[in-house]
Amino acid sequence: MQTQEDSKIVQSHSDNLKTLMEDVNHRLIFSVCLGPPVILCLNTVLQSKDICTQLQDGLLKATADLQTAWRTYHQYYSDYVCAEGKLREAEKQEEKQKQSSAKKLEMLIEKRQIKVQELHLKCSKARNDYLLNMAAANSSVMKYFLKDISFLIDCADMGYHLSVGRVMQTYLYRWGNTQEKLETNLLQLQETVSKLDQSKDKDIILQDHYNAFSIPARFTYLPQEGDQGEMCGDIETRFKQIQTRLKAVTEETEEVKGIKPSLILVFTCLYLLWVLTTVNLLCFWVWVSCSTENLSAKSSMAKRRVNMQETEGLYFTVSPSSVDNNGKEYFTLLDTFKLDV
């Protein structure tokens, strides 16, 4: 009982120590994870988001400039085509009306030529701006997808992976210490269990509670006044009776030892034959009670009964001298009885 209680106490202390160490390690890991590495990761994420937003804004601005230049180019080109069409129409009208209004037509043609040249110049300038903006937009797109994204990933990787690596290293270190302490505690527990000794604990308990487990004083005879002599006489009388009985039993034993072995063998054979005959008779009567309906079996049972009586008479008429002759007659009678049964 004491050994089981000690084992339960040791197990409970071990569980409490294990729970306490796990709580301390979890708190340390929690403080490490929520410390500078987490702040560094958050700052890196915010800076990466700002840089990515700036790059995307630049790309959108270049795309917007490209779209504006494209619209301007198409507008100027439409004006140029319209002015050129009017110029061709004026030239046709000039051929028709050369004679009637030469000066007026010349002024109109000159005016339209100036306008066509201006529009052509604006269209060329818009086309050049469009081409330049398109090249700038293509360059910005290529730079963003080929360099900026890779640079952002590298920046994020340098901060995030480093912080996560530190956290995981700290976690593994703490768990390694916990594992070592757990192994140490298990070894101590195993050593404590190996030192458990029931006999030693029993001796310690008996020593600690000596008054409770010490042998009490023996009971003594406390007779009534005037009863001491009568008790002594009764004990002496019983002692003499026991001696007389012991002497008689000893004489009977010596008489039995003086009997011849042949006579003992004869008595033994007769007893065995009587037992076997009794068993045979019981079996016979059971068989008779079970076959009362068979009339033909009555004669055979009567004949068997006569044979058994003759056999019994033969058994009981055997002389002790024949049995004393090396026991041969005894075995012959046993064989005869077996055959008869």
Protein backbone atom coordinates (compact mmCIF):
# COMPACT_ATOMS: atom_id res chain seq x y z
CA MET A 1 0.00 0.00 0.00
CA GLN A 2 2.79 2.41 0.92
CA THR A 3 4.68 1.57 -2.30
CA GLN A 4 1.62 2.35 -4.42
CA GLU A 5 1.12 5.66 -2.61
CA ASP A 6 4.79 6.56 -3.17
CA SER A 7 4.47 5.70 -6.87
CA LYS A 8 1.35 7.88 -7.18
CA ILE A 9 3.12 10.77 -5.41
CA VAL A 10 6.18 10.47 -7.68
CA GLN A 11 3.96 10.31 -10.79
CA SER A 12 1.98 13.36 -9.67
CA HIS A 13 5.17 15.38 -9.02
CA SER A 14 6.53 14.35 -12.42
CA ASP A 15 3.31 15.43 -14.20
CA ASN A 16 3.28 18.76 -12.36
CA LEU A 17 6.92 19.40 -13.26
CA LYS A 18 6.29 18.51 -16.91
CA THR A 19 3.26 20.82 -17.09
CA LEU A 20 5.23 23.66 -15.47
CA MET A 21 8.14 23.29 -17.90
CA GLU A 22 5.81 23.21 -20.90
CA ASP A 23 4.07 26.36 -19.64
CA VAL A 24 7.41 28.16 -19.24
CA ASN A 25 8.56 27.11 -22.71
CA HIS A 26 5.28 28.19 -24.30
CA ARG A 27 5.55 31.57 -22.63
CA LEU A 28 9.13 32.03 -23.83
CA ILE A 29 8.20 31.06 -27.38
CA PHE A 30 5.16 33.37 -27.22
CA SER A 31 7.32 36.29 -26.07
CA VAL A 32 9.89 35.56 -28.78
CA CYS A 33 7.25 35.33 -31.52
CA LEU A 34 5.58 38.59 -30.44
CA GLY A 35 8.85 40.44 -29.92
CA PRO A 36 11.21 42.23 -32.33
CA PRO A 37 10.91 39.60 -35.12
CA VAL A 38 7.19 40.25 -35.48
CA ILE A 39 7.70 44.05 -35.48
CA LEU A 40 10.45 43.65 -38.08
CA CYS A 41 8.18 41.52 -40.24
CA LEU A 42 5.36 44.08 -40.00
CA ASN A 43 7.70 46.97 -40.91
CA THR A 44 9.05 44.99 -43.86
CA VAL A 45 5.54 44.25 -45.08
CA LEU A 46 4.49 47.92 -44.80
CA GLN A 47 7.60 49.14 -46.64
CA SER A 48 7.11 46.53 -49.35
CA LYS A 49 3.49 47.63 -49.78
CA ASP A 50 4.55 51.31 -50.06
CA ILE A 51 7.22 50.54 -52.67
CA CYS A 52 4.83 48.34 -54.63
CA THR A 53 2.18 51.10 -54.55
CA GLN A 54 4.68 53.69 -55.80
CA LEU A 55 5.81 51.46 -58.65
CA GLN A 56 2.25 50.69 -59.63
CA ASP A 57 1.39 54.41 -59.55
CA GLY A 58 4.33 55.15 -61.85
CA LEU A 59 3.23 52.42 -64.22
CA LEU A 60 -0.36 53.73 -64.24
CA LYS A 61 0.89 57.30 -64.88
CA ALA A 62 2.96 56.14 -67.86
CA THR A 63 -0.04 54.25 -69.22
CA ALA A 64 -2.27 57.31 -68.76
CA ASP A 65 0.26 59.54 -70.59
CA LEU A 66 0.40 56.99 -73.38
CA GLN A 67 -3.39 57.01 -73.68
CA THR A 68 -3.49 60.84 -73.74
CA ALA A 69 -0.81 61.01 -76.43
CA TRP A 70 -2.65 58.40 -78.46
CA ARG A 71 -5.89 60.40 -78.32
CA THR A 72 -4.10 63.65 -79.24
CA TYR A 73 -2.38 61.96 -82.15
CA HIS A 74 -5.64 60.56 -83.49
CA GLN A 75 -7.40 63.92 -83.13
CA TYR A 76 -4.65 65.84 -84.96
CA TYR A 77 -4.45 63.21 -87.63
CA SER A 78 -8.21 63.47 -88.19
CA ASP A 79 -7.90 67.27 -88.47
CA TYR A 80 -5.03 66.86 -90.90
CA VAL A 81 -7.01 64.47 -93.11
CA CYS A 82 -10.02 66.82 -93.04
CA ALA A 83 -7.88 69.86 -93.98
CA GLU A 84 -6.16 67.94 -96.75
CA GLY A 85 -9.56 66.95 -98.15
CA LYS A 86 -10.70 70.56 -98.13
CA LEU A 87 -7.47 71.53 -99.88
CA ARG A 88 -8.09 69.05 -102.64
CA GLU A 89 -11.61 70.31 -102.99
CA ALA A 90 -10.35 73.91 -103.22
CA GLU A 91 -7.86 72.93 -105.92
CA LYS A 92 -10.68 71.38 -107.91
CA GLN A 93 -12.75 74.48 -107.52
CA GLU A 94 -9.74 76.55 -108.60
CA GLU A 95 -9.53 74.78 -111.88
CA LYS A 96 -13.21 75.42 -112.47
CA GLN A 97 -13.20 79.03 -111.51
CA LYS A 98 -9.82 80.25 -112.69
CA GLN A 99 -11.15 82.87 -114.84
CA SER A 100 -13.86 84.29 -112.57
CA SER A 101 -12.15 84.67 -109.24
CA ALA A 102 -8.45 83.93 -109.49
CA LYS A 103 -7.30 86.15 -106.63
CA LYS A 104 -9.95 84.98 -104.24
CA LEU A 105 -9.14 81.39 -104.96
CA GLU A 106 -5.44 81.96 -104.55
CA MET A 107 -5.98 83.50 -101.12
CA LEU A 108 -8.26 80.65 -100.13
CA ILE A 109 -5.77 78.08 -101.34
CA GLU A 110 -2.89 79.81 -99.58
CA LYS A 111 -4.88 80.02 -96.37
CA ARG A 112 -5.77 76.38 -96.57
CA GLN A 113 -2.21 75.37 -97.36
CA ILE A 114 -1.02 77.21 -94.23
CA LYS A 115 -3.67 75.47 -92.18
CA VAL A 116 -2.72 72.07 -93.63
CA GLN A 117 0.93 72.68 -92.84
CA GLU A 118 0.10 73.65 -89.25
CA LEU A 119 -2.10 70.63 -88.80
CA HIS A 120 0.54 68.41 -90.38
CA LEU A 121 3.11 69.80 -87.98
CA LYS A 122 0.82 69.23 -84.99
CA CYS A 123 0.02 65.73 -86.21
CA SER A 124 3.70 64.90 -86.59
CA LYS A 125 4.42 66.27 -83.13
CA ALA A 126 1.52 64.30 -81.63
CA ARG A 127 2.69 61.16 -83.42
CA ASN A 128 6.18 61.63 -82.08
CA ASP A 129 4.82 62.17 -78.55
CA TYR A 130 2.70 59.09 -78.96
CA LEU A 131 5.69 57.02 -80.06
CA LEU A 132 7.82 58.35 -77.22
CA ASN A 133 5.10 57.70 -74.62
CA MET A 134 4.53 54.24 -76.03
CA ALA A 135 8.23 53.46 -75.74
CA ALA A 136 8.27 54.84 -72.18
CA ALA A 137 5.20 52.80 -71.23
CA ASN A 138 6.68 49.64 -72.70
CA SER A 139 9.92 50.31 -70.86
CA SER A 140 8.04 50.88 -67.58
CA VAL A 141 6.04 47.69 -68.03
CA MET A 142 9.16 45.67 -68.82
CA LYS A 143 11.02 47.20 -65.87
CA TYR A 144 8.12 46.53 -63.50
CA PHE A 145 7.66 42.89 -64.45
CA LEU A 146 11.32 42.02 -64.96
CA LYS A 147 13.08 43.99 -62.21
CA ASP A 148 10.74 45.66 -59.76
CA ILE A 149 8.72 42.56 -58.86
CA SER A 150 11.88 40.49 -58.36
CA PHE A 151 13.38 43.31 -56.26
CA LEU A 152 10.26 43.49 -54.10
CA ILE A 153 10.28 39.73 -53.60
CA ASP A 154 13.95 39.84 -52.65
CA CYS A 155 13.32 42.65 -50.16
CA ALA A 156 10.38 40.83 -48.62
CA ASP A 157 12.37 37.59 -48.48
CA MET A 158 15.30 39.24 -46.71
CA GLY A 159 13.06 40.44 -43.92
CA TYR A 160 10.34 37.82 -43.64
CA HIS A 161 12.37 34.66 -44.03
CA LEU A 162 15.05 35.91 -41.67
CA SER A 163 12.48 36.66 -38.97
CA VAL A 164 10.69 33.36 -39.45
CA GLY A 165 14.02 31.54 -39.35
CA ARG A 166 14.92 33.18 -36.05
CA VAL A 167 11.57 32.34 -34.56
CA MET A 168 11.79 28.71 -35.64
CA GLN A 169 15.38 28.40 -34.38
CA THR A 170 14.31 29.77 -31.01
CA TYR A 171 11.35 27.41 -30.98
CA LEU A 172 13.54 24.40 -31.77
CA TYR A 173 16.08 25.45 -29.14
CA ARG A 174 13.40 25.73 -26.47
CA TRP A 175 11.88 22.42 -27.40
CA GLY A 176 15.34 20.84 -27.37
CA ASN A 177 15.86 22.06 -23.82
CA THR A 178 12.42 20.79 -22.90
CA GLN A 179 13.24 17.38 -24.38
CA GLU A 180 16.52 17.20 -22.46
CA LYS A 181 14.81 18.16 -19.21
CA LEU A 182 12.07 15.62 -19.89
CA GLU A 183 14.65 12.88 -20.47
CA THR A 184 16.42 13.89 -17.25
CA ASN A 185 13.13 13.75 -15.34
CA LEU A 186 12.33 10.35 -16.83
CA LEU A 187 15.74 9.02 -15.80
CA GLN A 188 15.22 10.35 -12.29
CA LEU A 189 11.77 8.78 -12.19
CA GLN A 190 13.15 5.47 -13.44
CA GLU A 191 15.88 5.57 -10.80
CA THR A 192 13.29 6.33 -8.12
CA VAL A 193 11.10 3.43 -9.28
CA SER A 194 14.09 1.06 -9.32
CA LYS A 195 14.87 2.02 -5.72
CA LEU A 196 11.39 1.13 -4.47
CA ASP A 197 11.63 -1.68 -1.90
CA GLN A 198 8.54 -3.05 -0.23
CA SER A 199 10.35 -4.82 2.62
CA LYS A 200 12.39 -1.72 3.40
CA ASP A 201 9.29 0.47 3.38
CA LYS A 202 7.56 -2.06 5.62
CA ASP A 203 10.45 -1.96 8.11
CA ILE A 204 10.39 1.84 8.05
CA ILE A 205 6.64 1.89 8.71
CA LEU A 206 7.02 -0.58 11.58
CA GLN A 207 9.82 1.48 13.08
CA ASP A 208 7.94 4.76 12.70
CA HIS A 209 4.81 3.27 14.30
CA TYR A 210 6.49 1.03 16.83
CA ASN A 211 3.86 1.59 19.51
CA ALA A 212 1.03 0.59 17.18
CA PHE A 213 2.66 -2.61 15.79
CA SER A 214 4.65 -3.85 18.84
CA ILE A 215 3.70 -7.22 20.38
CA PRO A 216 1.45 -6.73 23.39
CA ALA A 217 2.02 -8.42 26.76
CA ARG A 218 1.01 -12.08 27.14
CA PHE A 219 -2.22 -12.98 28.89
CA THR A 220 -1.64 -14.45 32.36
CA TYR A 221 -3.86 -16.74 34.35
CA LEU A 222 -5.66 -14.90 37.13
CA PRO A 223 -7.54 -17.50 39.24
CA GLN A 224 -10.07 -16.78 41.86
CA GLU A 225 -9.10 -17.01 45.49
CA GLY A 226 -8.79 -20.63 46.65
CA ASP A 227 -8.94 -22.12 43.10
CA GLN A 228 -5.22 -22.74 42.59
CA GLY A 229 -5.08 -26.26 44.11
CA GLU A 230 -8.11 -27.71 42.30
CA MET A 231 -6.81 -26.54 38.91
CA CYS A 232 -3.46 -28.20 39.51
CA GLY A 233 -5.10 -31.51 40.48
CA ASP A 234 -7.30 -31.51 37.37
CA ILE A 235 -4.27 -30.96 35.14
CA GLU A 236 -2.39 -33.88 36.80
CA THR A 237 -5.40 -36.19 36.34
CA ARG A 238 -5.64 -35.36 32.63
CA PHE A 239 -1.91 -35.94 32.25
CA LYS A 240 -2.19 -39.46 33.75
CA GLN A 241 -5.13 -40.32 31.47
CA ILE A 242 -3.17 -39.21 28.43
CA GLN A 243 -0.18 -41.37 29.50
CA THR A 244 -2.43 -44.44 30.00
CA ARG A 245 -4.05 -43.99 26.59
CA LEU A 246 -0.67 -43.52 24.94
CA LYS A 247 0.62 -46.75 26.53
CA ALA A 248 -2.42 -48.74 25.36
CA VAL A 249 -2.09 -47.41 21.80
CA THR A 250 1.61 -48.29 21.81
CA GLU A 251 0.87 -51.90 22.87
CA GLU A 252 -1.79 -52.27 20.17
CA THR A 253 0.66 -50.99 17.60
CA GLU A 254 3.29 -53.49 18.70
CA GLU A 255 0.74 -56.35 18.47
CA VAL A 256 -0.22 -55.31 14.98
CA LYS A 257 3.43 -55.23 13.96
CA GLY A 258 3.86 -58.83 15.27
CA ILE A 259 1.20 -60.28 12.93
CA LYS A 260 2.55 -62.30 10.01
CA PRO A 261 2.64 -60.61 6.64
CA SER A 262 0.80 -63.56 5.12
CA LEU A 263 -2.19 -63.03 7.43
CA ILE A 264 -2.28 -59.34 6.55
CA LEU A 265 -2.21 -60.29 2.87
CA VAL A 266 -5.12 -62.69 3.37
CA PHE A 267 -7.21 -60.04 5.12
CA THR A 268 -6.38 -57.58 2.39
CA CYS A 269 -7.40 -60.03 -0.35
CA LEU A 270 -10.64 -60.84 1.40
CA TYR A 271 -11.46 -57.17 1.78
CA LEU A 272 -10.76 -56.46 -1.89
CA LEU A 273 -12.86 -59.44 -2.97
CA TRP A 274 -15.72 -58.28 -0.79
CA VAL A 275 -15.56 -54.78 -2.31
CA LEU A 276 -15.48 -56.12 -5.87
CA THR A 277 -18.35 -58.52 -5.17
CA THR A 278 -20.45 -55.71 -3.73
CA VAL A 279 -19.83 -53.57 -6.80
CA ASN A 280 -20.69 -56.50 -9.06
CA LEU A 281 -23.95 -57.11 -7.20
CA LEU A 282 -24.92 -53.44 -7.43
CA CYS A 283 -24.26 -53.42 -11.17
CA PHE A 284 -26.25 -56.62 -11.50
CA TRP A 285 -29.30 -55.25 -9.68
CA VAL A 286 -29.17 -52.06 -11.78
CA TRP A 287 -29.11 -54.16 -14.91
CA VAL A 288 -32.04 -56.26 -13.62
CA SER A 289 -34.13 -53.15 -12.85
CA CYS A 290 -33.48 -51.77 -16.36
CA SER A 291 -34.48 -54.99 -18.21
CA THR A 292 -37.64 -56.20 -16.42
CA GLU A 293 -39.58 -56.36 -19.72
CA ASN A 294 -37.20 -58.95 -21.23
CA LEU A 295 -38.54 -62.40 -20.05
CA SER A 296 -35.78 -64.39 -21.63
CA ALA A 297 -33.18 -62.57 -19.52
CA LYS A 298 -34.60 -63.85 -16.17
CA SER A 299 -33.19 -67.34 -16.55
CA SER A 300 -29.74 -66.02 -17.47
CA MET A 301 -29.81 -63.67 -14.43
CA ALA A 302 -30.69 -66.55 -12.11
CA LYS A 303 -27.89 -68.61 -13.58
CA ARG A 304 -25.50 -65.69 -13.19
CA ARG A 305 -26.60 -65.27 -9.56
CA VAL A 306 -25.84 -68.94 -8.82
CA ASN A 307 -22.44 -68.59 -10.45
CA MET A 308 -21.71 -65.51 -8.39
CA GLN A 309 -22.68 -67.27 -5.16
CA GLU A 310 -20.42 -70.17 -6.05
CA THR A 311 -17.62 -67.76 -6.80
CA GLU A 312 -18.12 -65.99 -3.49
CA GLY A 313 -18.09 -69.30 -1.67
CA LEU A 314 -14.90 -70.19 -3.44
CA TYR A 315 -13.36 -66.87 -2.42
CA PHE A 316 -14.25 -67.24 1.22
CA THR A 317 -13.12 -70.93 1.43
CA VAL A 318 -9.57 -70.10 0.43
CA SER A 319 -7.15 -71.09 3.17
CA PRO A 320 -4.52 -68.72 4.49
CA SER A 321 -1.79 -71.25 3.72
CA SER A 322 -2.57 -71.15 -0.01
CA VAL A 323 -2.42 -67.35 0.01
CA ASP A 324 0.87 -67.44 1.84
CA ASN A 325 2.45 -69.42 -1.01
CA ASN A 326 4.06 -66.36 -2.73
CA GLY A 327 0.63 -64.86 -3.45
CA LYS A 328 0.07 -67.04 -6.57
CA GLU A 329 -3.41 -68.10 -5.54
CA TYR A 330 -4.35 -64.45 -4.96
CA PHE A 331 -3.54 -63.46 -8.53
CA THR A 332 -5.35 -66.57 -9.86
CA LEU A 333 -8.50 -65.63 -7.94
CA LEU A 334 -8.31 -62.07 -9.21
CA ASP A 335 -8.03 -63.29 -12.82
CA THR A 336 -11.01 -65.63 -12.27
CA PHE A 337 -13.06 -62.77 -10.84
CA LYS A 338 -12.19 -60.53 -13.81
CA LEU A 339 -13.24 -63.22 -16.29
CA ASP A 340 -16.48 -63.79 -14.44
CA VAL A 341 -17.30 -60.08 -14.42
